[in-house]
Amino acid sequence: LEELKAEVARSPEDAHVYEDDIKYVDYFVRLIDQTIPDEKT
């Protein structure tokens, strides 16, 4: 997700190219984040 956002920052005119990928990756990050806590937590 950080790499995709960096690509958009470098080439704002191509943001639409990465839009679907960003939505997909962000969805799974948020889903796992609200389901599985890490060991320390």
PDB file of all heavy atoms in Angstrom:
ATOM      1  N   LEU A   1       0.834  -1.203   0.000  1.00  0.00           N
ATOM      2  CA  LEU A   1       0.000   0.000   0.000  1.00  0.00           C
ATOM      3  C   LEU A   1       0.869   1.254   0.000  1.00  0.00           C
ATOM      4  O   LEU A   1       0.576   2.229  -0.718  1.00  0.00           O
ATOM      5  CB  LEU A   1      -0.919  -0.013   1.218  1.00  0.00           C
ATOM      6  CG  LEU A   1      -1.958   1.109   1.311  1.00  0.00           C
ATOM      7  CD1 LEU A   1      -2.897   1.073   0.110  1.00  0.00           C
ATOM      8  CD2 LEU A   1      -2.756   0.982   2.609  1.00  0.00           C
ATOM      9  N   GLU A   2       1.943   1.243   0.783  1.00  0.00           N
ATOM     10  CA  GLU A   2       2.843   2.385   0.814  1.00  0.00           C
ATOM     11  C   GLU A   2       3.514   2.585  -0.541  1.00  0.00           C
ATOM     12  O   GLU A   2       3.684   3.727  -1.005  1.00  0.00           O
ATOM     13  CB  GLU A   2       3.905   2.186   1.901  1.00  0.00           C
ATOM     14  CG  GLU A   2       3.364   2.245   3.317  1.00  0.00           C
ATOM     15  CD  GLU A   2       2.693   3.563   3.628  1.00  0.00           C
ATOM     16  OE1 GLU A   2       3.220   4.618   3.190  1.00  0.00           O
ATOM     17  OE2 GLU A   2       1.631   3.553   4.284  1.00  0.00           O
ATOM     18  N   GLU A   3       3.870   1.497  -1.197  1.00  0.00           N
ATOM     19  CA  GLU A   3       4.502   1.596  -2.519  1.00  0.00           C
ATOM     20  C   GLU A   3       3.519   2.168  -3.540  1.00  0.00           C
ATOM     21  O   GLU A   3       3.899   3.002  -4.377  1.00  0.00           O
ATOM     22  CB  GLU A   3       4.985   0.215  -2.965  1.00  0.00           C
ATOM     23  CG  GLU A   3       6.143  -0.334  -2.124  1.00  0.00           C
ATOM     24  CD  GLU A   3       6.493  -1.765  -2.496  1.00  0.00           C
ATOM     25  OE1 GLU A   3       5.839  -2.298  -3.424  1.00  0.00           O
ATOM     26  OE2 GLU A   3       7.411  -2.343  -1.878  1.00  0.00           O
ATOM     27  N   LEU A   4       2.274   1.712  -3.487  1.00  0.00           N
ATOM     28  CA  LEU A   4       1.267   2.221  -4.436  1.00  0.00           C
ATOM     29  C   LEU A   4       1.018   3.712  -4.219  1.00  0.00           C
ATOM     30  O   LEU A   4       0.895   4.478  -5.178  1.00  0.00           O
ATOM     31  CB  LEU A   4      -0.031   1.436  -4.268  1.00  0.00           C
ATOM     32  CG  LEU A   4       0.006  -0.023  -4.723  1.00  0.00           C
ATOM     33  CD1 LEU A   4      -1.269  -0.751  -4.302  1.00  0.00           C
ATOM     34  CD2 LEU A   4       0.180  -0.112  -6.240  1.00  0.00           C
ATOM     35  N   LYS A   5       0.932   4.121  -2.961  1.00  0.00           N
ATOM     36  CA  LYS A   5       0.713   5.537  -2.672  1.00  0.00           C
ATOM     37  C   LYS A   5       1.917   6.368  -3.125  1.00  0.00           C
ATOM     38  O   LYS A   5       1.755   7.511  -3.583  1.00  0.00           O
ATOM     39  CB  LYS A   5       0.454   5.729  -1.181  1.00  0.00           C
ATOM     40  CG  LYS A   5      -0.897   5.192  -0.727  1.00  0.00           C
ATOM     41  CD  LYS A   5      -1.101   5.423   0.771  1.00  0.00           C
ATOM     42  CE  LYS A   5      -2.469   4.927   1.200  1.00  0.00           C
ATOM     43  NZ  LYS A   5      -2.706   5.133   2.664  1.00  0.00           N
ATOM     44  N   ALA A   6       3.097   5.799  -2.994  1.00  0.00           N
ATOM     45  CA  ALA A   6       4.297   6.510  -3.452  1.00  0.00           C
ATOM     46  C   ALA A   6       4.279   6.685  -4.966  1.00  0.00           C
ATOM     47  O   ALA A   6       4.685   7.734  -5.489  1.00  0.00           O
ATOM     48  CB  ALA A   6       5.545   5.750  -3.011  1.00  0.00           C
ATOM     49  N   GLU A   7       3.803   5.664  -5.686  1.00  0.00           N
ATOM     50  CA  GLU A   7       3.700   5.761  -7.145  1.00  0.00           C
ATOM     51  C   GLU A   7       2.723   6.855  -7.539  1.00  0.00           C
ATOM     52  O   GLU A   7       2.985   7.622  -8.489  1.00  0.00           O
ATOM     53  CB  GLU A   7       3.232   4.420  -7.715  1.00  0.00           C
ATOM     54  CG  GLU A   7       4.266   3.321  -7.673  1.00  0.00           C
ATOM     55  CD  GLU A   7       5.423   3.585  -8.615  1.00  0.00           C
ATOM     56  OE1 GLU A   7       5.254   4.373  -9.571  1.00  0.00           O
ATOM     57  OE2 GLU A   7       6.507   3.006  -8.400  1.00  0.00           O
ATOM     58  N   VAL A   8       1.609   6.939  -6.810  1.00  0.00           N
ATOM     59  CA  VAL A   8       0.623   7.991  -7.110  1.00  0.00           C
ATOM     60  C   VAL A   8       1.221   9.364  -6.842  1.00  0.00           C
ATOM     61  O   VAL A   8       0.979  10.322  -7.589  1.00  0.00           O
ATOM     62  CB  VAL A   8      -0.655   7.768  -6.274  1.00  0.00           C
ATOM     63  CG1 VAL A   8      -1.609   8.956  -6.419  1.00  0.00           C
ATOM     64  CG2 VAL A   8      -1.344   6.487  -6.700  1.00  0.00           C
ATOM     65  N   ALA A   9       2.016   9.466  -5.749  1.00  0.00           N
ATOM     66  CA  ALA A   9       2.632  10.753  -5.422  1.00  0.00           C
ATOM     67  C   ALA A   9       3.631  11.170  -6.495  1.00  0.00           C
ATOM     68  O   ALA A   9       3.761  12.369  -6.814  1.00  0.00           O
ATOM     69  CB  ALA A   9       3.325  10.661  -4.061  1.00  0.00           C
ATOM     70  N   ARG A  10       4.308  10.196  -7.080  1.00  0.00           N
ATOM     71  CA  ARG A  10       5.288  10.501  -8.124  1.00  0.00           C
ATOM     72  C   ARG A  10       4.613  10.843  -9.449  1.00  0.00           C
ATOM     73  O   ARG A  10       5.123  11.670 -10.211  1.00  0.00           O
ATOM     74  CB  ARG A  10       6.251   9.329  -8.320  1.00  0.00           C
ATOM     75  CG  ARG A  10       7.309   9.205  -7.236  1.00  0.00           C
ATOM     76  CD  ARG A  10       8.396   8.218  -7.631  1.00  0.00           C
ATOM     77  NE  ARG A  10       7.885   6.857  -7.683  1.00  0.00           N
ATOM     78  CZ  ARG A  10       7.922   6.016  -6.658  1.00  0.00           C
ATOM     79  NH1 ARG A  10       8.448   6.414  -5.494  1.00  0.00           N
ATOM     80  NH2 ARG A  10       7.452   4.797  -6.773  1.00  0.00           N
ATOM     81  N   SER A  11       3.485  10.175  -9.692  1.00  0.00           N
ATOM     82  CA  SER A  11       2.797  10.403 -10.974  1.00  0.00           C
ATOM     83  C   SER A  11       1.305  10.614 -10.724  1.00  0.00           C
ATOM     84  O   SER A  11       0.490   9.707 -10.935  1.00  0.00           O
ATOM     85  CB  SER A  11       3.012   9.221 -11.912  1.00  0.00           C
ATOM     86  OG  SER A  11       4.384   8.940 -12.093  1.00  0.00           O
ATOM     87  N   PRO A  12       0.917  11.782 -10.248  1.00  0.00           N
ATOM     88  CA  PRO A  12      -0.507  12.036  -9.942  1.00  0.00           C
ATOM     89  C   PRO A  12      -1.414  11.830 -11.147  1.00  0.00           C
ATOM     90  O   PRO A  12      -2.575  11.452 -10.995  1.00  0.00           O
ATOM     91  CB  PRO A  12      -0.509  13.504  -9.486  1.00  0.00           C
ATOM     92  CG  PRO A  12       0.895  13.775  -9.055  1.00  0.00           C
ATOM     93  CD  PRO A  12       1.756  12.937  -9.946  1.00  0.00           C
ATOM     94  N   GLU A  13      -0.886  12.094 -12.324  1.00  0.00           N
ATOM     95  CA  GLU A  13      -1.714  11.941 -13.522  1.00  0.00           C
ATOM     96  C   GLU A  13      -2.089  10.485 -13.792  1.00  0.00           C
ATOM     97  O   GLU A  13      -3.041  10.215 -14.545  1.00  0.00           O
ATOM     98  CB  GLU A  13      -0.986  12.517 -14.745  1.00  0.00           C
ATOM     99  CG  GLU A  13       0.265  11.749 -15.174  1.00  0.00           C
ATOM    100  CD  GLU A  13       1.499  12.097 -14.366  1.00  0.00           C
ATOM    101  OE1 GLU A  13       1.364  12.863 -13.400  1.00  0.00           O
ATOM    102  OE2 GLU A  13       2.597  11.618 -14.724  1.00  0.00           O
ATOM    103  N   ASP A  14      -1.352   9.541 -13.169  1.00  0.00           N
ATOM    104  CA  ASP A  14      -1.652   8.114 -13.350  1.00  0.00           C
ATOM    105  C   ASP A  14      -2.381   7.512 -12.142  1.00  0.00           C
ATOM    106  O   ASP A  14      -2.416   6.293 -11.965  1.00  0.00           O
ATOM    107  CB  ASP A  14      -0.345   7.336 -13.575  1.00  0.00           C
ATOM    108  CG  ASP A  14       0.353   7.734 -14.863  1.00  0.00           C
ATOM    109  OD1 ASP A  14      -0.356   8.108 -15.813  1.00  0.00           O
ATOM    110  OD2 ASP A  14       1.599   7.663 -14.907  1.00  0.00           O
ATOM    111  N   ALA A  15      -2.940   8.360 -11.310  1.00  0.00           N
ATOM    112  CA  ALA A  15      -3.589   7.882 -10.087  1.00  0.00           C
ATOM    113  C   ALA A  15      -4.693   6.873 -10.395  1.00  0.00           C
ATOM    114  O   ALA A  15      -4.894   5.897  -9.658  1.00  0.00           O
ATOM    115  CB  ALA A  15      -4.161   9.058  -9.301  1.00  0.00           C
ATOM    116  N   HIS A  16      -5.404   7.084 -11.496  1.00  0.00           N
ATOM    117  CA  HIS A  16      -6.505   6.180 -11.836  1.00  0.00           C
ATOM    118  C   HIS A  16      -6.007   4.758 -12.128  1.00  0.00           C
ATOM    119  O   HIS A  16      -6.739   3.792 -11.986  1.00  0.00           O
ATOM    120  CB  HIS A  16      -7.259   6.721 -13.057  1.00  0.00           C
ATOM    121  CG  HIS A  16      -6.427   6.763 -14.302  1.00  0.00           C
ATOM    122  ND1 HIS A  16      -5.461   7.722 -14.540  1.00  0.00           N
ATOM    123  CD2 HIS A  16      -6.403   5.924 -15.396  1.00  0.00           C
ATOM    124  CE1 HIS A  16      -4.889   7.498 -15.710  1.00  0.00           C
ATOM    125  NE2 HIS A  16      -5.430   6.411 -16.243  1.00  0.00           N
ATOM    126  N   VAL A  17      -4.747   4.628 -12.528  1.00  0.00           N
ATOM    127  CA  VAL A  17      -4.183   3.315 -12.828  1.00  0.00           C
ATOM    128  C   VAL A  17      -4.049   2.476 -11.551  1.00  0.00           C
ATOM    129  O   VAL A  17      -4.229   1.247 -11.574  1.00  0.00           O
ATOM    130  CB  VAL A  17      -2.809   3.455 -13.504  1.00  0.00           C
ATOM    131  CG1 VAL A  17      -2.174   2.082 -13.736  1.00  0.00           C
ATOM    132  CG2 VAL A  17      -2.931   4.228 -14.813  1.00  0.00           C
ATOM    133  N   TYR A  18      -3.749   3.162 -10.452  1.00  0.00           N
ATOM    134  CA  TYR A  18      -3.509   2.451  -9.189  1.00  0.00           C
ATOM    135  C   TYR A  18      -4.741   2.435  -8.273  1.00  0.00           C
ATOM    136  O   TYR A  18      -4.695   1.861  -7.190  1.00  0.00           O
ATOM    137  CB  TYR A  18      -2.351   3.103  -8.434  1.00  0.00           C
ATOM    138  CG  TYR A  18      -1.073   3.161  -9.231  1.00  0.00           C
ATOM    139  CD1 TYR A  18      -0.669   4.336  -9.862  1.00  0.00           C
ATOM    140  CD2 TYR A  18      -0.266   2.036  -9.371  1.00  0.00           C
ATOM    141  CE1 TYR A  18       0.512   4.386 -10.593  1.00  0.00           C
ATOM    142  CE2 TYR A  18       0.908   2.074 -10.103  1.00  0.00           C
ATOM    143  CZ  TYR A  18       1.282   3.251 -10.709  1.00  0.00           C
ATOM    144  OH  TYR A  18       2.456   3.301 -11.439  1.00  0.00           O
ATOM    145  N   GLU A  19      -5.818   3.045  -8.713  1.00  0.00           N
ATOM    146  CA  GLU A  19      -6.986   3.213  -7.840  1.00  0.00           C
ATOM    147  C   GLU A  19      -7.551   1.880  -7.356  1.00  0.00           C
ATOM    148  O   GLU A  19      -7.796   1.682  -6.159  1.00  0.00           O
ATOM    149  CB  GLU A  19      -8.079   4.000  -8.580  1.00  0.00           C
ATOM    150  CG  GLU A  19      -9.298   4.266  -7.720  1.00  0.00           C
ATOM    151  CD  GLU A  19     -10.347   5.075  -8.469  1.00  0.00           C
ATOM    152  OE1 GLU A  19     -10.094   5.485  -9.631  1.00  0.00           O
ATOM    153  OE2 GLU A  19     -11.428   5.284  -7.896  1.00  0.00           O
ATOM    154  N   ASP A  20      -7.770   0.935  -8.283  1.00  0.00           N
ATOM    155  CA  ASP A  20      -8.327  -0.363  -7.891  1.00  0.00           C
ATOM    156  C   ASP A  20      -7.390  -1.135  -6.968  1.00  0.00           C
ATOM    157  O   ASP A  20      -7.829  -1.760  -5.993  1.00  0.00           O
ATOM    158  CB  ASP A  20      -8.621  -1.206  -9.136  1.00  0.00           C
ATOM    159  CG  ASP A  20      -9.885  -0.751  -9.857  1.00  0.00           C
ATOM    160  OD1 ASP A  20     -10.563   0.151  -9.326  1.00  0.00           O
ATOM    161  OD2 ASP A  20     -10.174  -1.283 -10.936  1.00  0.00           O
ATOM    162  N   ASP A  21      -6.094  -1.081  -7.283  1.00  0.00           N
ATOM    163  CA  ASP A  21      -5.123  -1.804  -6.450  1.00  0.00           C
ATOM    164  C   ASP A  21      -5.101  -1.239  -5.031  1.00  0.00           C
ATOM    165  O   ASP A  21      -5.022  -1.991  -4.049  1.00  0.00           O
ATOM    166  CB  ASP A  21      -3.729  -1.715  -7.064  1.00  0.00           C
ATOM    167  CG  ASP A  21      -3.593  -2.614  -8.289  1.00  0.00           C
ATOM    168  OD1 ASP A  21      -4.447  -3.498  -8.458  1.00  0.00           O
ATOM    169  OD2 ASP A  21      -2.633  -2.429  -9.058  1.00  0.00           O
ATOM    170  N   ILE A  22      -5.156   0.067  -4.924  1.00  0.00           N
ATOM    171  CA  ILE A  22      -5.138   0.705  -3.608  1.00  0.00           C
ATOM    172  C   ILE A  22      -6.379   0.318  -2.811  1.00  0.00           C
ATOM    173  O   ILE A  22      -6.292  -0.004  -1.612  1.00  0.00           O
ATOM    174  CB  ILE A  22      -5.022   2.235  -3.746  1.00  0.00           C
ATOM    175  CG1 ILE A  22      -3.627   2.607  -4.253  1.00  0.00           C
ATOM    176  CG2 ILE A  22      -5.324   2.924  -2.420  1.00  0.00           C
ATOM    177  CD1 ILE A  22      -3.446   4.096  -4.510  1.00  0.00           C
ATOM    178  N   LYS A  23      -7.536   0.301  -3.454  1.00  0.00           N
ATOM    179  CA  LYS A  23      -8.771  -0.086  -2.761  1.00  0.00           C
ATOM    180  C   LYS A  23      -8.692  -1.533  -2.269  1.00  0.00           C
ATOM    181  O   LYS A  23      -9.094  -1.841  -1.148  1.00  0.00           O
ATOM    182  CB  LYS A  23      -9.968   0.075  -3.697  1.00  0.00           C
ATOM    183  CG  LYS A  23     -10.370   1.499  -3.954  1.00  0.00           C
ATOM    184  CD  LYS A  23     -11.583   1.544  -4.870  1.00  0.00           C
ATOM    185  CE  LYS A  23     -12.020   2.982  -5.149  1.00  0.00           C
ATOM    186  NZ  LYS A  23     -13.194   3.035  -6.049  1.00  0.00           N
ATOM    187  N   TYR A  24      -8.195  -2.402  -3.127  1.00  0.00           N
ATOM    188  CA  TYR A  24      -8.104  -3.819  -2.792  1.00  0.00           C
ATOM    189  C   TYR A  24      -7.168  -4.053  -1.605  1.00  0.00           C
ATOM    190  O   TYR A  24      -7.517  -4.726  -0.625  1.00  0.00           O
ATOM    191  CB  TYR A  24      -7.608  -4.590  -4.014  1.00  0.00           C
ATOM    192  CG  TYR A  24      -7.399  -6.075  -3.776  1.00  0.00           C
ATOM    193  CD1 TYR A  24      -8.421  -6.985  -3.977  1.00  0.00           C
ATOM    194  CD2 TYR A  24      -6.157  -6.559  -3.356  1.00  0.00           C
ATOM    195  CE1 TYR A  24      -8.226  -8.339  -3.771  1.00  0.00           C
ATOM    196  CE2 TYR A  24      -5.950  -7.913  -3.134  1.00  0.00           C
ATOM    197  CZ  TYR A  24      -6.989  -8.796  -3.347  1.00  0.00           C
ATOM    198  OH  TYR A  24      -6.786 -10.133  -3.134  1.00  0.00           O
ATOM    199  N   VAL A  25      -5.973  -3.489  -1.682  1.00  0.00           N
ATOM    200  CA  VAL A  25      -4.972  -3.696  -0.636  1.00  0.00           C
ATOM    201  C   VAL A  25      -5.425  -3.056   0.674  1.00  0.00           C
ATOM    202  O   VAL A  25      -5.290  -3.640   1.754  1.00  0.00           O
ATOM    203  CB  VAL A  25      -3.610  -3.144  -1.077  1.00  0.00           C
ATOM    204  CG1 VAL A  25      -2.608  -3.235   0.062  1.00  0.00           C
ATOM    205  CG2 VAL A  25      -3.096  -3.901  -2.293  1.00  0.00           C
ATOM    206  N   ASP A  26      -5.969  -1.870   0.588  1.00  0.00           N
ATOM    207  CA  ASP A  26      -6.428  -1.172   1.789  1.00  0.00           C
ATOM    208  C   ASP A  26      -7.543  -1.944   2.486  1.00  0.00           C
ATOM    209  O   ASP A  26      -7.595  -1.994   3.727  1.00  0.00           O
ATOM    210  CB  ASP A  26      -6.913   0.230   1.419  1.00  0.00           C
ATOM    211  CG  ASP A  26      -7.389   1.005   2.631  1.00  0.00           C
ATOM    212  OD1 ASP A  26      -6.561   1.310   3.505  1.00  0.00           O
ATOM    213  OD2 ASP A  26      -8.611   1.276   2.719  1.00  0.00           O
ATOM    214  N   TYR A  27      -8.419  -2.557   1.699  1.00  0.00           N
ATOM    215  CA  TYR A  27      -9.520  -3.340   2.287  1.00  0.00           C
ATOM    216  C   TYR A  27      -8.978  -4.475   3.155  1.00  0.00           C
ATOM    217  O   TYR A  27      -9.415  -4.657   4.297  1.00  0.00           O
ATOM    218  CB  TYR A  27     -10.407  -3.901   1.168  1.00  0.00           C
ATOM    219  CG  TYR A  27     -11.333  -4.997   1.636  1.00  0.00           C
ATOM    220  CD1 TYR A  27     -12.493  -4.699   2.343  1.00  0.00           C
ATOM    221  CD2 TYR A  27     -11.032  -6.335   1.384  1.00  0.00           C
ATOM    222  CE1 TYR A  27     -13.339  -5.709   2.782  1.00  0.00           C
ATOM    223  CE2 TYR A  27     -11.865  -7.347   1.827  1.00  0.00           C
ATOM    224  CZ  TYR A  27     -13.023  -7.034   2.520  1.00  0.00           C
ATOM    225  OH  TYR A  27     -13.850  -8.038   2.965  1.00  0.00           O
ATOM    226  N   PHE A  28      -8.018  -5.236   2.630  1.00  0.00           N
ATOM    227  CA  PHE A  28      -7.501  -6.378   3.387  1.00  0.00           C
ATOM    228  C   PHE A  28      -6.671  -5.942   4.595  1.00  0.00           C
ATOM    229  O   PHE A  28      -6.679  -6.602   5.631  1.00  0.00           O
ATOM    230  CB  PHE A  28      -6.690  -7.300   2.481  1.00  0.00           C
ATOM    231  CG  PHE A  28      -7.552  -8.230   1.682  1.00  0.00           C
ATOM    232  CD1 PHE A  28      -7.822  -7.981   0.355  1.00  0.00           C
ATOM    233  CD2 PHE A  28      -8.126  -9.347   2.278  1.00  0.00           C
ATOM    234  CE1 PHE A  28      -8.633  -8.833  -0.372  1.00  0.00           C
ATOM    235  CE2 PHE A  28      -8.940 -10.206   1.552  1.00  0.00           C
ATOM    236  CZ  PHE A  28      -9.189  -9.951   0.218  1.00  0.00           C
ATOM    237  N   VAL A  29      -5.953  -4.838   4.488  1.00  0.00           N
ATOM    238  CA  VAL A  29      -5.208  -4.332   5.635  1.00  0.00           C
ATOM    239  C   VAL A  29      -6.170  -3.991   6.763  1.00  0.00           C
ATOM    240  O   VAL A  29      -5.972  -4.381   7.931  1.00  0.00           O
ATOM    241  CB  VAL A  29      -4.377  -3.094   5.247  1.00  0.00           C
ATOM    242  CG1 VAL A  29      -3.844  -2.397   6.502  1.00  0.00           C
ATOM    243  CG2 VAL A  29      -3.233  -3.495   4.342  1.00  0.00           C
ATOM    244  N   ARG A  30      -7.240  -3.280   6.446  1.00  0.00           N
ATOM    245  CA  ARG A  30      -8.210  -2.869   7.469  1.00  0.00           C
ATOM    246  C   ARG A  30      -8.986  -4.064   8.015  1.00  0.00           C
ATOM    247  O   ARG A  30      -9.283  -4.119   9.217  1.00  0.00           O
ATOM    248  CB  ARG A  30      -9.167  -1.834   6.878  1.00  0.00           C
ATOM    249  CG  ARG A  30      -8.487  -0.517   6.508  1.00  0.00           C
ATOM    250  CD  ARG A  30      -9.377   0.340   5.647  1.00  0.00           C
ATOM    251  NE  ARG A  30     -10.614   0.695   6.333  1.00  0.00           N
ATOM    252  CZ  ARG A  30     -11.671   1.208   5.718  1.00  0.00           C
ATOM    253  NH1 ARG A  30     -11.642   1.412   4.405  1.00  0.00           N
ATOM    254  NH2 ARG A  30     -12.747   1.512   6.410  1.00  0.00           N
ATOM    255  N   LEU A  31      -9.287  -5.043   7.163  1.00  0.00           N
ATOM    256  CA  LEU A  31     -10.034  -6.220   7.612  1.00  0.00           C
ATOM    257  C   LEU A  31      -9.227  -7.033   8.621  1.00  0.00           C
ATOM    258  O   LEU A  31      -9.744  -7.430   9.679  1.00  0.00           O
ATOM    259  CB  LEU A  31     -10.396  -7.095   6.405  1.00  0.00           C
ATOM    260  CG  LEU A  31     -11.146  -8.400   6.724  1.00  0.00           C
ATOM    261  CD1 LEU A  31     -12.501  -8.111   7.344  1.00  0.00           C
ATOM    262  CD2 LEU A  31     -11.302  -9.245   5.465  1.00  0.00           C
ATOM    263  N   ILE A  32      -7.968  -7.277   8.304  1.00  0.00           N
ATOM    264  CA  ILE A  32      -7.126  -8.055   9.217  1.00  0.00           C
ATOM    265  C   ILE A  32      -6.838  -7.257  10.483  1.00  0.00           C
ATOM    266  O   ILE A  32      -6.802  -7.811  11.587  1.00  0.00           O
ATOM    267  CB  ILE A  32      -5.816  -8.471   8.515  1.00  0.00           C
ATOM    268  CG1 ILE A  32      -6.124  -9.376   7.320  1.00  0.00           C
ATOM    269  CG2 ILE A  32      -4.890  -9.196   9.491  1.00  0.00           C
ATOM    270  CD1 ILE A  32      -4.927  -9.703   6.455  1.00  0.00           C
ATOM    271  N   ASP A  33      -6.659  -5.954  10.337  1.00  0.00           N
ATOM    272  CA  ASP A  33      -6.362  -5.103  11.491  1.00  0.00           C
ATOM    273  C   ASP A  33      -7.488  -5.117  12.530  1.00  0.00           C
ATOM    274  O   ASP A  33      -7.224  -4.923  13.716  1.00  0.00           O
ATOM    275  CB  ASP A  33      -6.114  -3.660  11.034  1.00  0.00           C
ATOM    276  CG  ASP A  33      -4.626  -3.343  10.926  1.00  0.00           C
ATOM    277  OD1 ASP A  33      -3.824  -4.105  11.506  1.00  0.00           O
ATOM    278  OD2 ASP A  33      -4.264  -2.352  10.273  1.00  0.00           O
ATOM    279  N   GLN A  34      -8.709  -5.314  12.091  1.00  0.00           N
ATOM    280  CA  GLN A  34      -9.823  -5.302  13.036  1.00  0.00           C
ATOM    281  C   GLN A  34     -10.244  -6.718  13.456  1.00  0.00           C
ATOM    282  O   GLN A  34     -11.228  -6.887  14.161  1.00  0.00           O
ATOM    283  CB  GLN A  34     -11.031  -4.572  12.433  1.00  0.00           C
ATOM    284  CG  GLN A  34     -11.695  -5.300  11.285  1.00  0.00           C
ATOM    285  CD  GLN A  34     -12.897  -4.537  10.754  1.00  0.00           C
ATOM    286  OE1 GLN A  34     -13.019  -3.324  10.899  1.00  0.00           O
ATOM    287  NE2 GLN A  34     -13.819  -5.252  10.141  1.00  0.00           N
ATOM    288  N   THR A  35      -9.461  -7.720  13.039  1.00  0.00           N
ATOM    289  CA  THR A  35      -9.814  -9.112  13.344  1.00  0.00           C
ATOM    290  C   THR A  35      -8.753  -9.816  14.181  1.00  0.00           C
ATOM    291  O   THR A  35      -9.077 -10.518  15.144  1.00  0.00           O
ATOM    292  CB  THR A  35     -10.027  -9.905  12.044  1.00  0.00           C
ATOM    293  OG1 THR A  35     -10.988  -9.241  11.233  1.00  0.00           O
ATOM    294  CG2 THR A  35     -10.527 -11.314  12.355  1.00  0.00           C
ATOM    295  N   ILE A  36      -7.473  -9.632  13.825  1.00  0.00           N
ATOM    296  CA  ILE A  36      -6.384 -10.357  14.479  1.00  0.00           C
ATOM    297  C   ILE A  36      -5.441  -9.391  15.181  1.00  0.00           C
ATOM    298  O   ILE A  36      -4.720  -8.639  14.514  1.00  0.00           O
ATOM    299  CB  ILE A  36      -5.585 -11.201  13.462  1.00  0.00           C
ATOM    300  CG1 ILE A  36      -6.512 -12.095  12.631  1.00  0.00           C
ATOM    301  CG2 ILE A  36      -4.527 -12.022  14.182  1.00  0.00           C
ATOM    302  CD1 ILE A  36      -7.225 -13.150  13.439  1.00  0.00           C
ATOM    303  N   PRO A  37      -5.412  -9.380  16.505  1.00  0.00           N
ATOM    304  CA  PRO A  37      -4.429  -8.542  17.213  1.00  0.00           C
ATOM    305  C   PRO A  37      -3.061  -9.207  17.213  1.00  0.00           C
ATOM    306  O   PRO A  37      -2.960 -10.436  17.155  1.00  0.00           O
ATOM    307  CB  PRO A  37      -5.005  -8.462  18.637  1.00  0.00           C
ATOM    308  CG  PRO A  37      -5.778  -9.735  18.793  1.00  0.00           C
ATOM    309  CD  PRO A  37      -6.313 -10.084  17.431  1.00  0.00           C
ATOM    310  N   ASP A  38      -2.016  -8.403  17.288  1.00  0.00           N
ATOM    311  CA  ASP A  38      -0.678  -8.994  17.338  1.00  0.00           C
ATOM    312  C   ASP A  38      -0.418  -9.575  18.725  1.00  0.00           C
ATOM    313  O   ASP A  38      -1.199  -9.376  19.663  1.00  0.00           O
ATOM    314  CB  ASP A  38       0.386  -7.968  16.953  1.00  0.00           C
ATOM    315  CG  ASP A  38       0.349  -6.722  17.838  1.00  0.00           C
ATOM    316  OD1 ASP A  38       0.021  -6.848  19.039  1.00  0.00           O
ATOM    317  OD2 ASP A  38       0.642  -5.627  17.326  1.00  0.00           O
ATOM    318  N   GLU A  39       0.694 -10.315  18.855  1.00  0.00           N
ATOM    319  CA  GLU A  39       0.978 -11.021  20.105  1.00  0.00           C
ATOM    320  C   GLU A  39       1.105 -10.069  21.286  1.00  0.00           C
ATOM    321  O   GLU A  39       0.597 -10.346  22.385  1.00  0.00           O
ATOM    322  CB  GLU A  39       2.248 -11.856  19.954  1.00  0.00           C
ATOM    323  CG  GLU A  39       2.085 -13.060  19.057  1.00  0.00           C
ATOM    324  CD  GLU A  39       3.351 -13.893  18.981  1.00  0.00           C
ATOM    325  OE1 GLU A  39       4.376 -13.440  19.551  1.00  0.00           O
ATOM    326  OE2 GLU A  39       3.323 -14.968  18.366  1.00  0.00           O
ATOM    327  N   LYS A  40       1.789  -8.955  21.107  1.00  0.00           N
ATOM    328  CA  LYS A  40       1.998  -8.025  22.210  1.00  0.00           C
ATOM    329  C   LYS A  40       0.667  -7.495  22.731  1.00  0.00           C
ATOM    330  O   LYS A  40       0.456  -7.383  23.951  1.00  0.00           O
ATOM    331  CB  LYS A  40       2.882  -6.866  21.754  1.00  0.00           C
ATOM    332  CG  LYS A  40       3.181  -5.862  22.854  1.00  0.00           C
ATOM    333  CD  LYS A  40       4.071  -4.741  22.347  1.00  0.00           C
ATOM    334  CE  LYS A  40       4.332  -3.719  23.469  1.00  0.00           C
ATOM    335  NZ  LYS A  40       5.176  -2.597  22.990  1.00  0.00           N
ATOM    336  N   THR A  41      -0.240  -7.189  21.834  1.00  0.00           N
ATOM    337  CA  THR A  41      -1.538  -6.632  22.229  1.00  0.00           C
ATOM    338  C   THR A  41      -2.377  -7.650  22.982  1.00  0.00           C
ATOM    339  O   THR A  41      -2.932  -7.356  24.042  1.00  0.00           O
ATOM    340  CB  THR A  41      -2.306  -6.153  20.990  1.00  0.00           C
ATOM    341  OG1 THR A  41      -1.548  -5.136  20.320  1.00  0.00           O
ATOM    342  CG2 THR A  41      -3.670  -5.604  21.368  1.00  0.00           C
TER     343      THR A  41
END
